[in-house]
Amino acid sequence: MDFTKRLYERFASLVHELAKFGSIGAVAFVIDLGLLNLCNVVLDWGPLTSKVVATTISTTFAYAGNRYWTFRHREQSGLGREYFLFFLLNGIALLFGMLTIGFTTYTLGLEDPLSFNIANIIGVGLGTLFRYWSYKRWVFLEATEPIPVELPETGVTQDR
């Protein structure tokens, strides 16, 4: 039992961070998938244009969620810098989705919604691995000073 407890203590922060990242990612995925299908199937904007529009909107949501929840314990190095890097790295991750959708649609000739969505899911999966690694490496940096878990004492006492 001690081994399990030590193992949990060692990886607890990583497990919590991954759970938060996954939660934000799941909501962003639903936003992306819904908008992707709306733009491609209903509005007929084409697969690649639809992917860019859906990813741009879902990425904006993901930035806010990751900055203010998943990685809030990390250094805040400036909204402009973080936002620029976040979108740059998401642009690279978008290429995974564009390549899988483009390959499925234009190379394999599979234009049905099921093939389109499967290609999107594969692209999102590959992009997610890249995003998690790159966010921790370049966007949400390790804090240079420990960020307190609890609020500091104010020195104000309550009279009874």
N, C-alpha and C. Protein backbone atom coordinates (compact mmCIF):
# COMPACT_ATOMS: atom_id res chain seq x y z
N MET A 1 0.81 -1.19 0.00
CA MET A 1 0.00 0.00 0.00
C MET A 1 0.86 1.26 0.00
N ASP A 2 2.00 1.22 0.71
CA ASP A 2 2.89 2.37 0.73
C ASP A 2 3.42 2.69 -0.66
N PHE A 3 3.69 1.66 -1.45
CA PHE A 3 4.20 1.87 -2.80
C PHE A 3 3.17 2.62 -3.64
N THR A 4 1.91 2.20 -3.53
CA THR A 4 0.84 2.86 -4.28
C THR A 4 0.68 4.31 -3.85
N LYS A 5 0.74 4.55 -2.56
CA LYS A 5 0.62 5.91 -2.04
C LYS A 5 1.77 6.78 -2.52
N ARG A 6 2.98 6.26 -2.46
CA ARG A 6 4.15 7.02 -2.93
C ARG A 6 4.06 7.29 -4.42
N LEU A 7 3.61 6.29 -5.17
CA LEU A 7 3.46 6.45 -6.61
C LEU A 7 2.44 7.54 -6.92
N TYR A 8 1.30 7.51 -6.21
CA TYR A 8 0.29 8.55 -6.41
C TYR A 8 0.83 9.92 -6.06
N GLU A 9 1.52 10.04 -4.92
CA GLU A 9 2.07 11.32 -4.50
C GLU A 9 3.07 11.86 -5.52
N ARG A 10 3.82 10.96 -6.10
CA ARG A 10 4.82 11.37 -7.07
C ARG A 10 4.19 11.91 -8.36
N PHE A 11 3.10 11.28 -8.79
CA PHE A 11 2.49 11.66 -10.07
C PHE A 11 1.15 12.38 -9.94
N ALA A 12 0.75 12.75 -8.73
CA ALA A 12 -0.56 13.37 -8.51
C ALA A 12 -0.73 14.65 -9.32
N SER A 13 0.27 15.52 -9.31
CA SER A 13 0.11 16.78 -10.04
C SER A 13 0.01 16.55 -11.54
N LEU A 14 0.77 15.58 -12.06
CA LEU A 14 0.69 15.27 -13.48
C LEU A 14 -0.68 14.69 -13.83
N VAL A 15 -1.19 13.80 -12.99
CA VAL A 15 -2.50 13.20 -13.23
C VAL A 15 -3.58 14.27 -13.21
N HIS A 16 -3.53 15.18 -12.24
CA HIS A 16 -4.52 16.25 -12.17
C HIS A 16 -4.41 17.17 -13.38
N GLU A 17 -3.19 17.51 -13.77
CA GLU A 17 -2.98 18.37 -14.93
C GLU A 17 -3.51 17.70 -16.20
N LEU A 18 -3.22 16.42 -16.36
CA LEU A 18 -3.72 15.70 -17.54
C LEU A 18 -5.24 15.61 -17.54
N ALA A 19 -5.85 15.44 -16.37
CA ALA A 19 -7.31 15.38 -16.29
C ALA A 19 -7.93 16.72 -16.69
N LYS A 20 -7.33 17.80 -16.23
CA LYS A 20 -7.84 19.13 -16.60
C LYS A 20 -7.64 19.38 -18.09
N PHE A 21 -6.44 19.06 -18.59
CA PHE A 21 -6.15 19.23 -20.02
C PHE A 21 -7.13 18.41 -20.86
N GLY A 22 -7.41 17.18 -20.42
CA GLY A 22 -8.35 16.33 -21.13
C GLY A 22 -9.77 16.86 -21.09
N SER A 23 -10.16 17.43 -19.96
CA SER A 23 -11.52 18.00 -19.85
C SER A 23 -11.70 19.18 -20.78
N ILE A 24 -10.73 20.08 -20.77
CA ILE A 24 -10.78 21.24 -21.68
C ILE A 24 -10.75 20.75 -23.12
N GLY A 25 -9.89 19.79 -23.38
CA GLY A 25 -9.79 19.23 -24.73
C GLY A 25 -11.08 18.57 -25.19
N ALA A 26 -11.76 17.89 -24.29
CA ALA A 26 -13.02 17.23 -24.66
C ALA A 26 -14.08 18.26 -25.06
N VAL A 27 -14.18 19.33 -24.28
CA VAL A 27 -15.16 20.38 -24.62
C VAL A 27 -14.75 21.06 -25.93
N ALA A 28 -13.47 21.35 -26.09
CA ALA A 28 -13.00 21.97 -27.34
C ALA A 28 -13.24 21.03 -28.52
N PHE A 29 -13.09 19.73 -28.30
CA PHE A 29 -13.34 18.75 -29.35
C PHE A 29 -14.81 18.77 -29.78
N VAL A 30 -15.72 18.85 -28.81
CA VAL A 30 -17.15 18.91 -29.13
C VAL A 30 -17.46 20.19 -29.93
N ILE A 31 -16.86 21.30 -29.50
CA ILE A 31 -17.04 22.56 -30.24
C ILE A 31 -16.50 22.40 -31.66
N ASP A 32 -15.29 21.86 -31.78
CA ASP A 32 -14.66 21.66 -33.09
C ASP A 32 -15.49 20.75 -33.97
N LEU A 33 -15.91 19.62 -33.43
CA LEU A 33 -16.66 18.64 -34.21
C LEU A 33 -18.01 19.20 -34.66
N GLY A 34 -18.70 19.90 -33.75
CA GLY A 34 -19.99 20.48 -34.11
C GLY A 34 -19.86 21.54 -35.19
N LEU A 35 -18.91 22.44 -35.01
CA LEU A 35 -18.72 23.50 -36.01
C LEU A 35 -18.19 22.94 -37.33
N LEU A 36 -17.32 21.95 -37.24
CA LEU A 36 -16.78 21.32 -38.45
C LEU A 36 -17.90 20.73 -39.30
N ASN A 37 -18.77 19.99 -38.66
CA ASN A 37 -19.88 19.37 -39.40
C ASN A 37 -20.91 20.41 -39.86
N LEU A 38 -21.14 21.43 -39.04
CA LEU A 38 -22.04 22.50 -39.46
C LEU A 38 -21.51 23.18 -40.71
N CYS A 39 -20.24 23.55 -40.68
CA CYS A 39 -19.65 24.27 -41.82
C CYS A 39 -19.51 23.39 -43.06
N ASN A 40 -19.14 22.12 -42.87
CA ASN A 40 -18.90 21.25 -44.03
C ASN A 40 -20.18 20.63 -44.57
N VAL A 41 -20.99 20.06 -43.69
CA VAL A 41 -22.16 19.31 -44.15
C VAL A 41 -23.35 20.23 -44.41
N VAL A 42 -23.62 21.14 -43.46
CA VAL A 42 -24.81 21.99 -43.59
C VAL A 42 -24.55 23.19 -44.50
N LEU A 43 -23.46 23.91 -44.23
CA LEU A 43 -23.17 25.13 -45.00
C LEU A 43 -22.38 24.87 -46.28
N ASP A 44 -21.83 23.66 -46.42
CA ASP A 44 -21.08 23.24 -47.61
C ASP A 44 -19.90 24.16 -47.94
N TRP A 45 -19.12 24.50 -46.90
CA TRP A 45 -17.96 25.38 -47.10
C TRP A 45 -16.73 24.62 -47.56
N GLY A 46 -16.79 23.33 -47.62
CA GLY A 46 -15.64 22.52 -48.02
C GLY A 46 -14.91 22.02 -46.79
N PRO A 47 -14.24 20.88 -46.91
CA PRO A 47 -13.64 20.24 -45.74
C PRO A 47 -12.50 21.03 -45.10
N LEU A 48 -11.63 21.60 -45.89
CA LEU A 48 -10.47 22.28 -45.31
C LEU A 48 -10.84 23.65 -44.73
N THR A 49 -11.67 24.40 -45.42
CA THR A 49 -12.14 25.69 -44.89
C THR A 49 -12.92 25.46 -43.59
N SER A 50 -13.76 24.45 -43.59
CA SER A 50 -14.53 24.12 -42.40
C SER A 50 -13.63 23.78 -41.23
N LYS A 51 -12.55 23.04 -41.50
CA LYS A 51 -11.62 22.66 -40.44
C LYS A 51 -10.92 23.89 -39.86
N VAL A 52 -10.52 24.82 -40.70
CA VAL A 52 -9.85 26.03 -40.22
C VAL A 52 -10.80 26.87 -39.35
N VAL A 53 -12.03 27.05 -39.79
CA VAL A 53 -13.00 27.85 -39.02
C VAL A 53 -13.29 27.18 -37.68
N ALA A 54 -13.56 25.89 -37.68
CA ALA A 54 -13.89 25.17 -36.45
C ALA A 54 -12.72 25.17 -35.48
N THR A 55 -11.52 24.97 -35.99
CA THR A 55 -10.33 24.93 -35.14
C THR A 55 -10.04 26.30 -34.54
N THR A 56 -10.21 27.35 -35.30
CA THR A 56 -9.97 28.70 -34.78
C THR A 56 -10.88 29.00 -33.59
N ILE A 57 -12.14 28.66 -33.70
CA ILE A 57 -13.08 28.94 -32.62
C ILE A 57 -12.83 28.03 -31.42
N SER A 58 -12.62 26.75 -31.65
CA SER A 58 -12.38 25.83 -30.53
C SER A 58 -11.05 26.11 -29.86
N THR A 59 -10.07 26.60 -30.60
CA THR A 59 -8.78 26.94 -30.03
C THR A 59 -8.88 28.14 -29.09
N THR A 60 -9.72 29.09 -29.42
CA THR A 60 -9.93 30.24 -28.55
C THR A 60 -10.50 29.78 -27.20
N PHE A 61 -11.46 28.88 -27.24
CA PHE A 61 -12.00 28.32 -26.01
C PHE A 61 -10.90 27.57 -25.24
N ALA A 62 -10.14 26.75 -25.95
CA ALA A 62 -9.10 25.94 -25.31
C ALA A 62 -8.03 26.81 -24.66
N TYR A 63 -7.67 27.93 -25.29
CA TYR A 63 -6.68 28.81 -24.69
C TYR A 63 -7.17 29.30 -23.33
N ALA A 64 -8.39 29.82 -23.29
CA ALA A 64 -8.93 30.35 -22.03
C ALA A 64 -8.99 29.26 -20.96
N GLY A 65 -9.48 28.09 -21.32
CA GLY A 65 -9.58 27.00 -20.35
C GLY A 65 -8.24 26.53 -19.84
N ASN A 66 -7.28 26.40 -20.74
CA ASN A 66 -5.95 25.94 -20.32
C ASN A 66 -5.19 27.00 -19.54
N ARG A 67 -5.30 28.25 -19.94
CA ARG A 67 -4.59 29.33 -19.23
C ARG A 67 -5.14 29.51 -17.81
N TYR A 68 -6.45 29.53 -17.68
CA TYR A 68 -7.04 29.90 -16.40
C TYR A 68 -7.47 28.71 -15.55
N TRP A 69 -7.27 27.47 -16.05
CA TRP A 69 -7.61 26.32 -15.23
C TRP A 69 -6.49 25.27 -15.26
N THR A 70 -6.21 24.69 -16.41
CA THR A 70 -5.22 23.61 -16.48
C THR A 70 -3.84 24.05 -16.03
N PHE A 71 -3.36 25.14 -16.58
CA PHE A 71 -1.98 25.59 -16.32
C PHE A 71 -1.94 26.87 -15.50
N ARG A 72 -2.94 27.13 -14.68
CA ARG A 72 -2.97 28.36 -13.90
C ARG A 72 -1.83 28.44 -12.89
N HIS A 73 -1.27 27.30 -12.51
CA HIS A 73 -0.17 27.25 -11.55
C HIS A 73 1.18 27.56 -12.20
N ARG A 74 1.19 27.75 -13.48
CA ARG A 74 2.44 28.02 -14.19
C ARG A 74 2.62 29.52 -14.38
N GLU A 75 3.83 29.89 -14.71
CA GLU A 75 4.19 31.30 -14.92
C GLU A 75 3.25 31.93 -15.94
N GLN A 76 2.84 33.16 -15.68
CA GLN A 76 2.06 33.91 -16.67
C GLN A 76 3.01 34.90 -17.31
N SER A 77 3.41 34.59 -18.53
CA SER A 77 4.45 35.35 -19.20
C SER A 77 3.91 36.38 -20.16
N GLY A 78 2.68 36.78 -19.99
CA GLY A 78 2.09 37.81 -20.83
C GLY A 78 1.07 37.23 -21.78
N LEU A 79 -0.10 37.83 -21.77
CA LEU A 79 -1.20 37.34 -22.59
C LEU A 79 -0.84 37.33 -24.07
N GLY A 80 -0.21 38.39 -24.56
CA GLY A 80 0.14 38.46 -25.97
C GLY A 80 1.09 37.36 -26.39
N ARG A 81 2.15 37.16 -25.60
CA ARG A 81 3.13 36.12 -25.90
C ARG A 81 2.49 34.74 -25.88
N GLU A 82 1.74 34.46 -24.80
CA GLU A 82 1.11 33.15 -24.66
C GLU A 82 0.10 32.90 -25.77
N TYR A 83 -0.73 33.90 -26.05
CA TYR A 83 -1.77 33.75 -27.06
C TYR A 83 -1.15 33.52 -28.43
N PHE A 84 -0.11 34.28 -28.75
CA PHE A 84 0.56 34.11 -30.04
C PHE A 84 1.15 32.70 -30.17
N LEU A 85 1.90 32.27 -29.15
CA LEU A 85 2.50 30.93 -29.19
C LEU A 85 1.43 29.84 -29.20
N PHE A 86 0.38 30.04 -28.41
CA PHE A 86 -0.71 29.06 -28.36
C PHE A 86 -1.30 28.87 -29.75
N PHE A 87 -1.59 29.97 -30.44
CA PHE A 87 -2.17 29.85 -31.78
C PHE A 87 -1.17 29.37 -32.81
N LEU A 88 0.08 29.73 -32.67
CA LEU A 88 1.10 29.23 -33.58
C LEU A 88 1.21 27.71 -33.46
N LEU A 89 1.29 27.22 -32.23
CA LEU A 89 1.40 25.78 -32.02
C LEU A 89 0.12 25.05 -32.41
N ASN A 90 -1.03 25.69 -32.21
CA ASN A 90 -2.28 25.10 -32.67
C ASN A 90 -2.36 25.10 -34.19
N GLY A 91 -1.72 26.08 -34.82
CA GLY A 91 -1.64 26.08 -36.28
C GLY A 91 -0.84 24.89 -36.78
N ILE A 92 0.24 24.58 -36.08
CA ILE A 92 1.02 23.39 -36.44
C ILE A 92 0.19 22.13 -36.20
N ALA A 93 -0.51 22.07 -35.05
CA ALA A 93 -1.36 20.92 -34.75
C ALA A 93 -2.51 20.82 -35.75
N LEU A 94 -2.99 21.96 -36.25
CA LEU A 94 -4.05 21.96 -37.25
C LEU A 94 -3.60 21.24 -38.52
N LEU A 95 -2.32 21.30 -38.81
CA LEU A 95 -1.80 20.61 -39.99
C LEU A 95 -2.05 19.10 -39.93
N PHE A 96 -1.99 18.52 -38.73
CA PHE A 96 -2.30 17.10 -38.58
C PHE A 96 -3.73 16.82 -39.07
N GLY A 97 -4.67 17.66 -38.63
CA GLY A 97 -6.05 17.50 -39.05
C GLY A 97 -6.24 17.76 -40.53
N MET A 98 -5.59 18.80 -41.03
CA MET A 98 -5.71 19.15 -42.45
C MET A 98 -5.16 18.02 -43.32
N LEU A 99 -4.02 17.45 -42.89
CA LEU A 99 -3.41 16.37 -43.67
C LEU A 99 -4.28 15.12 -43.68
N THR A 100 -4.83 14.75 -42.52
CA THR A 100 -5.66 13.54 -42.49
C THR A 100 -6.98 13.75 -43.25
N ILE A 101 -7.58 14.92 -43.10
CA ILE A 101 -8.82 15.20 -43.84
C ILE A 101 -8.54 15.31 -45.33
N GLY A 102 -7.48 16.03 -45.69
CA GLY A 102 -7.13 16.17 -47.10
C GLY A 102 -6.79 14.84 -47.75
N PHE A 103 -6.04 14.00 -47.05
CA PHE A 103 -5.68 12.68 -47.57
C PHE A 103 -6.93 11.83 -47.77
N THR A 104 -7.81 11.84 -46.77
CA THR A 104 -9.03 11.03 -46.85
C THR A 104 -9.94 11.52 -47.97
N THR A 105 -10.11 12.84 -48.05
CA THR A 105 -11.04 13.41 -49.03
C THR A 105 -10.48 13.39 -50.45
N TYR A 106 -9.25 13.89 -50.62
CA TYR A 106 -8.73 14.10 -51.97
C TYR A 106 -7.88 12.95 -52.50
N THR A 107 -7.19 12.23 -51.65
CA THR A 107 -6.37 11.11 -52.13
C THR A 107 -7.18 9.83 -52.18
N LEU A 108 -7.89 9.53 -51.08
CA LEU A 108 -8.69 8.30 -51.04
C LEU A 108 -10.05 8.47 -51.70
N GLY A 109 -10.49 9.71 -51.88
CA GLY A 109 -11.78 9.98 -52.52
C GLY A 109 -12.97 9.65 -51.63
N LEU A 110 -12.77 9.60 -50.33
CA LEU A 110 -13.85 9.30 -49.39
C LEU A 110 -14.44 10.62 -48.90
N GLU A 111 -15.61 10.96 -49.42
CA GLU A 111 -16.23 12.25 -49.10
C GLU A 111 -17.46 12.12 -48.21
N ASP A 112 -17.75 10.93 -47.72
CA ASP A 112 -18.92 10.74 -46.86
C ASP A 112 -18.63 11.29 -45.47
N PRO A 113 -19.67 11.69 -44.73
CA PRO A 113 -19.48 12.27 -43.40
C PRO A 113 -18.75 11.34 -42.41
N LEU A 114 -18.96 10.04 -42.49
CA LEU A 114 -18.30 9.12 -41.57
C LEU A 114 -16.78 9.12 -41.79
N SER A 115 -16.35 9.00 -43.02
CA SER A 115 -14.92 9.02 -43.33
C SER A 115 -14.30 10.36 -42.95
N PHE A 116 -15.04 11.42 -43.22
CA PHE A 116 -14.59 12.77 -42.88
C PHE A 116 -14.37 12.90 -41.37
N ASN A 117 -15.32 12.41 -40.58
CA ASN A 117 -15.21 12.51 -39.13
C ASN A 117 -14.14 11.60 -38.56
N ILE A 118 -13.96 10.43 -39.13
CA ILE A 118 -12.89 9.53 -38.68
C ILE A 118 -11.53 10.17 -38.95
N ALA A 119 -11.37 10.75 -40.12
CA ALA A 119 -10.12 11.44 -40.44
C ALA A 119 -9.88 12.59 -39.47
N ASN A 120 -10.94 13.33 -39.14
CA ASN A 120 -10.82 14.42 -38.19
C ASN A 120 -10.38 13.92 -36.83
N ILE A 121 -10.98 12.84 -36.35
CA ILE A 121 -10.64 12.30 -35.03
C ILE A 121 -9.18 11.86 -34.99
N ILE A 122 -8.70 11.23 -36.04
CA ILE A 122 -7.28 10.83 -36.09
C ILE A 122 -6.38 12.05 -36.06
N GLY A 123 -6.73 13.07 -36.83
CA GLY A 123 -5.95 14.31 -36.84
C GLY A 123 -5.96 15.02 -35.51
N VAL A 124 -7.12 15.05 -34.85
CA VAL A 124 -7.22 15.68 -33.54
C VAL A 124 -6.38 14.91 -32.52
N GLY A 125 -6.41 13.59 -32.59
CA GLY A 125 -5.61 12.78 -31.67
C GLY A 125 -4.12 13.05 -31.81
N LEU A 126 -3.64 13.08 -33.03
CA LEU A 126 -2.22 13.38 -33.27
C LEU A 126 -1.88 14.80 -32.83
N GLY A 127 -2.76 15.73 -33.14
CA GLY A 127 -2.55 17.12 -32.75
C GLY A 127 -2.55 17.31 -31.24
N THR A 128 -3.38 16.55 -30.54
CA THR A 128 -3.47 16.66 -29.09
C THR A 128 -2.16 16.27 -28.42
N LEU A 129 -1.55 15.21 -28.89
CA LEU A 129 -0.26 14.79 -28.34
C LEU A 129 0.77 15.91 -28.51
N PHE A 130 0.81 16.49 -29.70
CA PHE A 130 1.73 17.59 -29.96
C PHE A 130 1.42 18.80 -29.10
N ARG A 131 0.13 19.15 -28.97
CA ARG A 131 -0.25 20.33 -28.20
C ARG A 131 0.12 20.22 -26.73
N TYR A 132 -0.17 19.09 -26.10
CA TYR A 132 0.14 18.95 -24.68
C TYR A 132 1.63 19.14 -24.44
N TRP A 133 2.42 18.48 -25.24
CA TRP A 133 3.88 18.60 -25.10
C TRP A 133 4.34 20.04 -25.36
N SER A 134 3.85 20.67 -26.40
CA SER A 134 4.33 22.00 -26.77
C SER A 134 3.83 23.09 -25.83
N TYR A 135 2.61 22.96 -25.28
CA TYR A 135 2.12 23.95 -24.32
C TYR A 135 3.01 23.99 -23.09
N LYS A 136 3.34 22.81 -22.59
CA LYS A 136 4.19 22.75 -21.39
C LYS A 136 5.60 23.24 -21.69
N ARG A 137 6.06 23.04 -22.88
CA ARG A 137 7.44 23.39 -23.25
C ARG A 137 7.59 24.89 -23.55
N TRP A 138 6.62 25.48 -24.27
CA TRP A 138 6.81 26.84 -24.76
C TRP A 138 5.76 27.86 -24.34
N VAL A 139 4.55 27.46 -24.02
CA VAL A 139 3.50 28.44 -23.75
C VAL A 139 3.33 28.69 -22.26
N PHE A 140 3.00 27.66 -21.52
CA PHE A 140 2.73 27.79 -20.10
C PHE A 140 3.96 27.30 -19.34
N LEU A 141 4.87 28.21 -19.08
CA LEU A 141 6.18 27.87 -18.52
C LEU A 141 6.09 27.56 -17.03
N GLU A 142 7.09 26.82 -16.53
CA GLU A 142 7.17 26.53 -15.10
C GLU A 142 7.26 27.84 -14.33
N ALA A 143 6.61 27.91 -13.21
CA ALA A 143 6.65 29.11 -12.37
C ALA A 143 8.05 29.29 -11.79
N THR A 144 8.56 30.51 -11.80
CA THR A 144 9.88 30.78 -11.22
C THR A 144 9.80 30.88 -9.71
N GLU A 145 8.63 31.25 -9.19
CA GLU A 145 8.38 31.27 -7.76
C GLU A 145 7.19 30.36 -7.49
N PRO A 146 7.23 29.65 -6.36
CA PRO A 146 6.08 28.79 -6.06
C PRO A 146 4.80 29.62 -5.93
N ILE A 147 3.75 29.13 -6.54
CA ILE A 147 2.46 29.80 -6.44
C ILE A 147 1.72 29.18 -5.27
N PRO A 148 1.28 30.01 -4.30
CA PRO A 148 0.66 29.45 -3.10
C PRO A 148 -0.63 28.71 -3.41
N VAL A 149 -0.81 27.60 -2.72
CA VAL A 149 -2.04 26.82 -2.88
C VAL A 149 -3.17 27.48 -2.12
N GLU A 150 -2.85 28.06 -0.96
CA GLU A 150 -3.84 28.73 -0.14
C GLU A 150 -3.64 30.23 -0.20
N LEU A 151 -4.67 30.96 0.14
CA LEU A 151 -4.55 32.41 0.19
C LEU A 151 -3.66 32.81 1.35
N PRO A 152 -2.86 33.85 1.19
CA PRO A 152 -1.99 34.27 2.29
C PRO A 152 -2.81 34.84 3.46
N GLU A 153 -2.23 34.77 4.63
CA GLU A 153 -2.89 35.33 5.82
C GLU A 153 -2.97 36.84 5.65
N THR A 154 -4.10 37.42 6.01
CA THR A 154 -4.28 38.86 5.84
C THR A 154 -3.91 39.63 7.09
N GLY A 155 -3.79 38.96 8.21
CA GLY A 155 -3.47 39.63 9.46
C GLY A 155 -4.69 40.23 10.12
N VAL A 156 -5.85 40.08 9.52
CA VAL A 156 -7.08 40.61 10.09
C VAL A 156 -7.69 39.52 10.96
N THR A 157 -8.01 39.89 12.17
CA THR A 157 -8.64 38.92 13.06
C THR A 157 -10.11 39.24 13.17
N GLN A 158 -10.86 38.23 13.47
CA GLN A 158 -12.30 38.40 13.58
C GLN A 158 -12.65 38.46 15.07
N ASP A 159 -13.31 39.54 15.49
CA ASP A 159 -13.73 39.70 16.89
C ASP A 159 -15.05 38.95 17.09
N ARG A 160 -15.15 38.37 18.25
CA ARG A 160 -16.40 37.67 18.57
C ARG A 160 -17.14 38.37 19.63
